[in-house]
């Protein structure tokens, strides 16, 4: 059975790293970057920079939480 988690390489802070995320999170992250007029690397760098302050564990988890926070208000609004 094929894994639903996709591992991709990305450059953040001038260093190449790999991040494992489910495809819907990758797609949402790309959408967020496009909406904000930023590159994927810029968005991930900002998430990485703030994850220690926000106590968000590893980078993959921090990205998932960022995507959730970004789309959660829309989901709540639709549910209301």
N, C-alpha and C. Protein backbone atom coordinates (compact mmCIF):
# COMPACT_ATOMS: atom_id res chain seq x y z
N UNK A 1 0.84 -1.18 0.00
CA UNK A 1 0.00 0.00 0.00
C UNK A 1 0.88 1.24 0.00
N UNK A 2 0.57 2.19 -0.88
CA UNK A 2 1.35 3.41 -1.00
C UNK A 2 1.05 4.36 0.15
N UNK A 3 2.10 4.97 0.68
CA UNK A 3 1.94 5.91 1.79
C UNK A 3 1.25 7.18 1.31
N UNK A 4 0.43 7.75 2.17
CA UNK A 4 -0.24 9.00 1.87
C UNK A 4 0.64 10.20 2.16
N UNK A 5 1.76 9.95 2.83
CA UNK A 5 2.69 11.01 3.18
C UNK A 5 3.73 11.15 2.07
N UNK A 6 3.94 12.40 1.63
CA UNK A 6 4.90 12.68 0.57
C UNK A 6 6.07 13.45 1.18
N UNK A 7 7.28 12.99 0.89
CA UNK A 7 8.48 13.64 1.40
C UNK A 7 9.06 14.49 0.27
N UNK A 8 9.27 15.78 0.58
CA UNK A 8 9.81 16.70 -0.41
C UNK A 8 10.96 17.49 0.19
N UNK A 9 11.88 17.89 -0.67
CA UNK A 9 12.99 18.73 -0.25
C UNK A 9 12.63 20.18 -0.48
N UNK A 10 13.08 21.02 0.43
CA UNK A 10 12.83 22.45 0.33
C UNK A 10 14.02 23.18 0.94
N UNK A 11 14.30 24.35 0.42
CA UNK A 11 15.40 25.16 0.95
C UNK A 11 14.80 26.22 1.88
N UNK A 12 15.27 26.20 3.12
CA UNK A 12 14.85 27.22 4.09
C UNK A 12 16.09 27.77 4.77
N UNK A 13 16.17 29.07 4.82
CA UNK A 13 17.33 29.70 5.44
C UNK A 13 18.64 29.31 4.78
N UNK A 14 18.59 29.05 3.47
CA UNK A 14 19.79 28.68 2.73
C UNK A 14 20.22 27.23 2.90
N UNK A 15 19.43 26.44 3.61
CA UNK A 15 19.76 25.04 3.83
C UNK A 15 18.66 24.15 3.28
N UNK A 16 19.08 23.07 2.65
CA UNK A 16 18.12 22.12 2.11
C UNK A 16 17.67 21.17 3.22
N UNK A 17 16.38 20.97 3.32
CA UNK A 17 15.82 20.05 4.30
C UNK A 17 14.67 19.30 3.66
N UNK A 18 14.26 18.23 4.27
CA UNK A 18 13.12 17.49 3.73
C UNK A 18 11.97 17.56 4.73
N UNK A 19 10.77 17.59 4.18
CA UNK A 19 9.56 17.68 4.98
C UNK A 19 8.59 16.63 4.47
N UNK A 20 7.99 15.89 5.39
CA UNK A 20 7.01 14.87 5.04
C UNK A 20 5.62 15.35 5.41
N UNK A 21 4.76 15.46 4.39
CA UNK A 21 3.38 15.91 4.59
C UNK A 21 2.45 15.14 3.66
N UNK A 22 1.21 15.04 4.06
CA UNK A 22 0.19 14.48 3.19
C UNK A 22 -0.05 15.45 2.04
N UNK A 23 -0.44 14.91 0.88
CA UNK A 23 -0.62 15.74 -0.32
C UNK A 23 -1.58 16.92 -0.12
N UNK A 24 -2.71 16.75 0.59
CA UNK A 24 -3.57 17.92 0.80
C UNK A 24 -2.89 19.07 1.54
N UNK A 25 -1.96 18.75 2.43
CA UNK A 25 -1.24 19.81 3.13
C UNK A 25 -0.26 20.50 2.19
N UNK A 26 0.42 19.73 1.31
CA UNK A 26 1.31 20.33 0.32
C UNK A 26 0.52 21.27 -0.58
N UNK A 27 -0.62 20.81 -1.06
CA UNK A 27 -1.44 21.63 -1.96
C UNK A 27 -1.91 22.90 -1.27
N UNK A 28 -2.35 22.76 -0.03
CA UNK A 28 -2.82 23.93 0.73
C UNK A 28 -1.68 24.90 1.00
N UNK A 29 -0.52 24.38 1.29
CA UNK A 29 0.64 25.23 1.55
C UNK A 29 1.01 26.02 0.30
N UNK A 30 0.98 25.37 -0.86
CA UNK A 30 1.26 26.06 -2.12
C UNK A 30 0.21 27.14 -2.39
N UNK A 31 -1.04 26.84 -2.09
CA UNK A 31 -2.13 27.81 -2.26
C UNK A 31 -1.93 29.02 -1.36
N UNK A 32 -1.55 28.78 -0.12
CA UNK A 32 -1.27 29.86 0.83
C UNK A 32 -0.14 30.74 0.31
N UNK A 33 0.93 30.12 -0.17
CA UNK A 33 2.07 30.88 -0.70
C UNK A 33 1.64 31.75 -1.88
N UNK A 34 0.86 31.17 -2.79
CA UNK A 34 0.40 31.93 -3.95
C UNK A 34 -0.51 33.09 -3.54
N UNK A 35 -1.42 32.83 -2.61
CA UNK A 35 -2.33 33.87 -2.13
C UNK A 35 -1.57 35.02 -1.48
N UNK A 36 -0.51 34.68 -0.76
CA UNK A 36 0.29 35.69 -0.05
C UNK A 36 1.36 36.33 -0.94
N UNK A 37 1.48 35.84 -2.18
CA UNK A 37 2.49 36.37 -3.09
C UNK A 37 3.91 36.03 -2.67
N UNK A 38 4.07 34.87 -2.06
CA UNK A 38 5.38 34.42 -1.57
C UNK A 38 5.74 33.08 -2.19
N UNK A 39 7.01 32.75 -2.12
CA UNK A 39 7.43 31.43 -2.56
C UNK A 39 7.14 30.41 -1.46
N UNK A 40 7.11 29.17 -1.82
CA UNK A 40 6.90 28.11 -0.84
C UNK A 40 8.01 28.15 0.21
N UNK A 41 9.23 28.38 -0.23
CA UNK A 41 10.36 28.47 0.70
C UNK A 41 10.21 29.61 1.68
N UNK A 42 9.68 30.74 1.23
CA UNK A 42 9.48 31.88 2.13
C UNK A 42 8.44 31.56 3.20
N UNK A 43 7.36 30.90 2.79
CA UNK A 43 6.31 30.55 3.76
C UNK A 43 6.84 29.54 4.77
N UNK A 44 7.53 28.52 4.29
CA UNK A 44 8.06 27.50 5.20
C UNK A 44 9.13 28.08 6.10
N UNK A 45 9.94 28.99 5.59
CA UNK A 45 10.96 29.66 6.42
C UNK A 45 10.31 30.43 7.56
N UNK A 46 9.22 31.13 7.26
CA UNK A 46 8.51 31.89 8.30
C UNK A 46 7.92 30.95 9.35
N UNK A 47 7.35 29.84 8.90
CA UNK A 47 6.79 28.85 9.83
C UNK A 47 7.91 28.30 10.71
N UNK A 48 9.04 27.97 10.09
CA UNK A 48 10.17 27.41 10.82
C UNK A 48 10.71 28.41 11.85
N UNK A 49 10.77 29.65 11.45
CA UNK A 49 11.30 30.70 12.32
C UNK A 49 10.45 30.87 13.58
N UNK A 50 9.15 30.70 13.45
CA UNK A 50 8.24 30.94 14.57
C UNK A 50 7.81 29.68 15.33
N UNK A 51 8.21 28.52 14.87
CA UNK A 51 7.69 27.31 15.52
C UNK A 51 8.22 27.12 16.94
N UNK A 52 9.44 27.54 17.21
CA UNK A 52 9.96 27.43 18.58
C UNK A 52 9.21 28.36 19.53
N UNK A 53 8.92 29.56 19.05
CA UNK A 53 8.19 30.54 19.86
C UNK A 53 6.79 30.01 20.16
N UNK A 54 6.18 29.36 19.18
CA UNK A 54 4.82 28.85 19.34
C UNK A 54 4.77 27.43 19.90
N UNK A 55 5.95 26.87 20.18
CA UNK A 55 6.05 25.51 20.74
C UNK A 55 5.35 24.48 19.86
N UNK A 56 5.80 24.39 18.64
CA UNK A 56 5.13 23.54 17.66
C UNK A 56 5.95 22.34 17.21
N UNK A 57 6.85 21.86 17.98
CA UNK A 57 7.55 20.62 17.66
C UNK A 57 8.27 20.64 16.33
N UNK A 58 8.14 19.53 15.58
CA UNK A 58 8.89 19.42 14.34
C UNK A 58 8.26 20.26 13.23
N UNK A 59 9.02 20.45 12.16
CA UNK A 59 8.59 21.33 11.07
C UNK A 59 7.33 20.83 10.39
N UNK A 60 7.22 19.53 10.16
CA UNK A 60 6.01 18.99 9.52
C UNK A 60 4.76 19.31 10.33
N UNK A 61 4.84 19.14 11.63
CA UNK A 61 3.70 19.44 12.50
C UNK A 61 3.39 20.93 12.48
N UNK A 62 4.43 21.76 12.50
CA UNK A 62 4.23 23.21 12.47
C UNK A 62 3.54 23.63 11.18
N UNK A 63 3.89 23.01 10.06
CA UNK A 63 3.26 23.33 8.79
C UNK A 63 1.79 22.92 8.81
N UNK A 64 1.51 21.72 9.30
CA UNK A 64 0.11 21.27 9.39
C UNK A 64 -0.73 22.23 10.23
N UNK A 65 -0.18 22.67 11.36
CA UNK A 65 -0.91 23.60 12.23
C UNK A 65 -1.10 24.95 11.56
N UNK A 66 -0.12 25.39 10.80
CA UNK A 66 -0.23 26.65 10.08
C UNK A 66 -1.36 26.59 9.05
N UNK A 67 -1.40 25.49 8.30
CA UNK A 67 -2.46 25.31 7.30
C UNK A 67 -3.82 25.26 7.98
N UNK A 68 -3.90 24.51 9.08
CA UNK A 68 -5.16 24.42 9.82
C UNK A 68 -5.62 25.80 10.29
N UNK A 69 -4.73 26.56 10.88
CA UNK A 69 -5.08 27.90 11.37
C UNK A 69 -5.52 28.81 10.23
N UNK A 70 -4.92 28.63 9.09
CA UNK A 70 -5.25 29.48 7.94
C UNK A 70 -6.66 29.19 7.41
N UNK A 71 -7.03 27.91 7.38
CA UNK A 71 -8.32 27.53 6.81
C UNK A 71 -9.43 27.33 7.83
N UNK A 72 -9.09 27.24 9.08
CA UNK A 72 -10.09 26.99 10.11
C UNK A 72 -11.21 28.05 10.16
N UNK A 73 -10.86 29.35 10.09
CA UNK A 73 -11.94 30.35 10.11
C UNK A 73 -12.95 30.15 8.96
N UNK A 74 -12.47 29.75 7.80
CA UNK A 74 -13.36 29.51 6.67
C UNK A 74 -14.28 28.33 6.95
N UNK A 75 -13.73 27.30 7.56
CA UNK A 75 -14.53 26.11 7.88
C UNK A 75 -15.59 26.43 8.93
N UNK A 76 -15.21 27.21 9.91
CA UNK A 76 -16.15 27.60 10.97
C UNK A 76 -17.26 28.46 10.38
N UNK A 77 -16.89 29.37 9.50
CA UNK A 77 -17.85 30.25 8.88
C UNK A 77 -18.87 29.45 8.03
N UNK A 78 -18.37 28.44 7.31
CA UNK A 78 -19.26 27.59 6.50
C UNK A 78 -20.20 26.78 7.37
N UNK A 79 -19.71 26.34 8.53
CA UNK A 79 -20.52 25.51 9.42
C UNK A 79 -21.61 26.32 10.12
N UNK A 80 -21.39 27.60 10.25
CA UNK A 80 -22.35 28.45 10.98
C UNK A 80 -23.60 28.75 10.18
